[in-house]
Amino acid sequence: MAHAETISTHEYTFTAVFGPAEEGGHIVTVPALPGVITEGDTLEEAKARVVEAIECYQESQQKDGLPLPASEYHIAEPERVEQVTVSLKTV
């Protein structure tokens, strides 16, 4: 008989810092998650891509048996700062 893993979903909120990309569009970083950086041609695309980047980061952390860091508030004037909430599944 196979053992079923318990999967739960937790909601995390991270600060995303949006700035202008050199070639146009928006570049996004998440200060609480080292190495998470993405971009999009429009603000909406950049927001969607940062959610995907956070999900990939979480999958990598989970695979390596590491916890997902808690968010920390970050101020980056004059860049645009928004809170991004992501529902992540954990085993």
C-alpha atoms as a PDB file:
ATOM      1  CA  MET A   1       0.000   0.000   0.000  1.00  0.00           C
ATOM      2  CA  ALA A   2       1.456   3.363  -1.015  1.00  0.00           C
ATOM      3  CA  HIS A   3       2.007   6.014   1.625  1.00  0.00           C
ATOM      4  CA  ALA A   4       0.230   9.269   0.800  1.00  0.00           C
ATOM      5  CA  GLU A   5       2.162  12.473   1.407  1.00  0.00           C
ATOM      6  CA  THR A   6       0.378  15.315   3.114  1.00  0.00           C
ATOM      7  CA  ILE A   7       0.352  18.397   0.921  1.00  0.00           C
ATOM      8  CA  SER A   8      -0.655  21.711   2.392  1.00  0.00           C
ATOM      9  CA  THR A   9      -0.934  25.166   0.897  1.00  0.00           C
ATOM     10  CA  HIS A  10       0.455  28.203   2.651  1.00  0.00           C
ATOM     11  CA  GLU A  11       0.137  31.820   1.639  1.00  0.00           C
ATOM     12  CA  TYR A  12       3.320  33.901   1.572  1.00  0.00           C
ATOM     13  CA  THR A  13       3.684  37.614   0.906  1.00  0.00           C
ATOM     14  CA  PHE A  14       6.948  38.996  -0.430  1.00  0.00           C
ATOM     15  CA  THR A  15       8.089  42.486  -1.294  1.00  0.00           C
ATOM     16  CA  ALA A  16       8.721  42.807  -5.035  1.00  0.00           C
ATOM     17  CA  VAL A  17      10.806  45.738  -6.281  1.00  0.00           C
ATOM     18  CA  PHE A  18       9.942  46.911  -9.804  1.00  0.00           C
ATOM     19  CA  GLY A  19      12.308  49.085 -11.795  1.00  0.00           C
ATOM     20  CA  PRO A  20      12.832  50.060 -15.418  1.00  0.00           C
ATOM     21  CA  ALA A  21      14.758  47.622 -17.611  1.00  0.00           C
ATOM     22  CA  GLU A  22      17.472  49.099 -19.858  1.00  0.00           C
ATOM     23  CA  GLU A  23      15.857  47.718 -23.000  1.00  0.00           C
ATOM     24  CA  GLY A  24      12.364  48.758 -21.885  1.00  0.00           C
ATOM     25  CA  GLY A  25       9.782  47.090 -19.726  1.00  0.00           C
ATOM     26  CA  HIS A  26      10.220  46.262 -16.065  1.00  0.00           C
ATOM     27  CA  ILE A  27      12.773  44.320 -14.037  1.00  0.00           C
ATOM     28  CA  VAL A  28      11.672  42.776 -10.734  1.00  0.00           C
ATOM     29  CA  THR A  29      13.652  41.535  -7.730  1.00  0.00           C
ATOM     30  CA  VAL A  30      12.537  40.006  -4.431  1.00  0.00           C
ATOM     31  CA  PRO A  31      14.984  41.118  -1.702  1.00  0.00           C
ATOM     32  CA  ALA A  32      13.967  38.321   0.700  1.00  0.00           C
ATOM     33  CA  LEU A  33      14.768  35.643  -1.916  1.00  0.00           C
ATOM     34  CA  PRO A  34      18.376  35.861  -3.146  1.00  0.00           C
ATOM     35  CA  GLY A  35      18.717  35.392  -6.887  1.00  0.00           C
ATOM     36  CA  VAL A  36      15.048  35.917  -7.694  1.00  0.00           C
ATOM     37  CA  ILE A  37      15.031  38.374 -10.582  1.00  0.00           C
ATOM     38  CA  THR A  38      12.793  38.519 -13.620  1.00  0.00           C
ATOM     39  CA  GLU A  39      11.377  40.969 -16.119  1.00  0.00           C
ATOM     40  CA  GLY A  40       8.363  41.711 -18.280  1.00  0.00           C
ATOM     41  CA  ASP A  41       7.473  43.999 -21.148  1.00  0.00           C
ATOM     42  CA  THR A  42       4.452  45.299 -19.217  1.00  0.00           C
ATOM     43  CA  LEU A  43       3.825  45.719 -15.509  1.00  0.00           C
ATOM     44  CA  GLU A  44       1.189  42.956 -15.611  1.00  0.00           C
ATOM     45  CA  GLU A  45       3.628  40.570 -17.306  1.00  0.00           C
ATOM     46  CA  ALA A  46       6.343  41.424 -14.762  1.00  0.00           C
ATOM     47  CA  LYS A  47       3.928  40.716 -11.881  1.00  0.00           C
ATOM     48  CA  ALA A  48       2.970  37.333 -13.360  1.00  0.00           C
ATOM     49  CA  ARG A  49       6.606  36.402 -13.938  1.00  0.00           C
ATOM     50  CA  VAL A  50       7.677  37.305 -10.402  1.00  0.00           C
ATOM     51  CA  VAL A  51       4.986  34.975  -9.044  1.00  0.00           C
ATOM     52  CA  GLU A  52       6.377  32.202 -11.294  1.00  0.00           C
ATOM     53  CA  ALA A  53       9.931  32.988 -10.131  1.00  0.00           C
ATOM     54  CA  ILE A  54       8.887  32.740  -6.475  1.00  0.00           C
ATOM     55  CA  GLU A  55       7.182  29.401  -7.158  1.00  0.00           C
ATOM     56  CA  CYS A  56      10.365  28.080  -8.839  1.00  0.00           C
ATOM     57  CA  TYR A  57      12.476  29.311  -5.920  1.00  0.00           C
ATOM     58  CA  GLN A  58      10.174  27.507  -3.473  1.00  0.00           C
ATOM     59  CA  GLU A  59      10.352  24.275  -5.493  1.00  0.00           C
ATOM     60  CA  SER A  60      14.145  24.450  -5.470  1.00  0.00           C
ATOM     61  CA  GLN A  61      14.276  25.125  -1.723  1.00  0.00           C
ATOM     62  CA  GLN A  62      11.855  22.274  -1.049  1.00  0.00           C
ATOM     63  CA  LYS A  63      13.858  19.882  -3.254  1.00  0.00           C
ATOM     64  CA  ASP A  64      17.003  20.761  -1.272  1.00  0.00           C
ATOM     65  CA  GLY A  65      15.173  20.390   2.057  1.00  0.00           C
ATOM     66  CA  LEU A  66      15.527  24.092   2.853  1.00  0.00           C
ATOM     67  CA  PRO A  67      12.802  26.367   4.228  1.00  0.00           C
ATOM     68  CA  LEU A  68      11.323  29.276   2.321  1.00  0.00           C
ATOM     69  CA  PRO A  69      12.501  32.510   3.969  1.00  0.00           C
ATOM     70  CA  ALA A  70       9.934  34.832   5.479  1.00  0.00           C
ATOM     71  CA  SER A  71       9.295  38.086   3.703  1.00  0.00           C
ATOM     72  CA  GLU A  72      10.848  41.302   4.866  1.00  0.00           C
ATOM     73  CA  TYR A  73       9.659  44.763   3.990  1.00  0.00           C
ATOM     74  CA  HIS A  74      12.015  46.599   1.678  1.00  0.00           C
ATOM     75  CA  ILE A  75      12.005  50.250   0.629  1.00  0.00           C
ATOM     76  CA  ALA A  76      13.604  51.092  -2.719  1.00  0.00           C
ATOM     77  CA  GLU A  77      12.872  54.649  -3.725  1.00  0.00           C
ATOM     78  CA  PRO A  78      12.187  55.772  -6.379  1.00  0.00           C
ATOM     79  CA  GLU A  79      11.492  52.289  -7.692  1.00  0.00           C
ATOM     80  CA  ARG A  80       8.026  50.785  -7.450  1.00  0.00           C
ATOM     81  CA  VAL A  81       7.526  48.431  -4.497  1.00  0.00           C
ATOM     82  CA  GLU A  82       4.557  46.066  -4.208  1.00  0.00           C
ATOM     83  CA  GLN A  83       3.611  43.168  -1.997  1.00  0.00           C
ATOM     84  CA  VAL A  84       3.169  39.918  -3.949  1.00  0.00           C
ATOM     85  CA  THR A  85       1.171  37.109  -2.351  1.00  0.00           C
ATOM     86  CA  VAL A  86       1.726  33.565  -3.549  1.00  0.00           C
ATOM     87  CA  SER A  87      -0.010  30.351  -2.468  1.00  0.00           C
ATOM     88  CA  LEU A  88       2.627  27.627  -2.344  1.00  0.00           C
ATOM     89  CA  LYS A  89       2.120  23.909  -1.865  1.00  0.00           C
ATOM     90  CA  THR A  90       4.427  22.185   0.585  1.00  0.00           C
ATOM     91  CA  VAL A  91       4.904  18.529   1.392  1.00  0.00           C
END
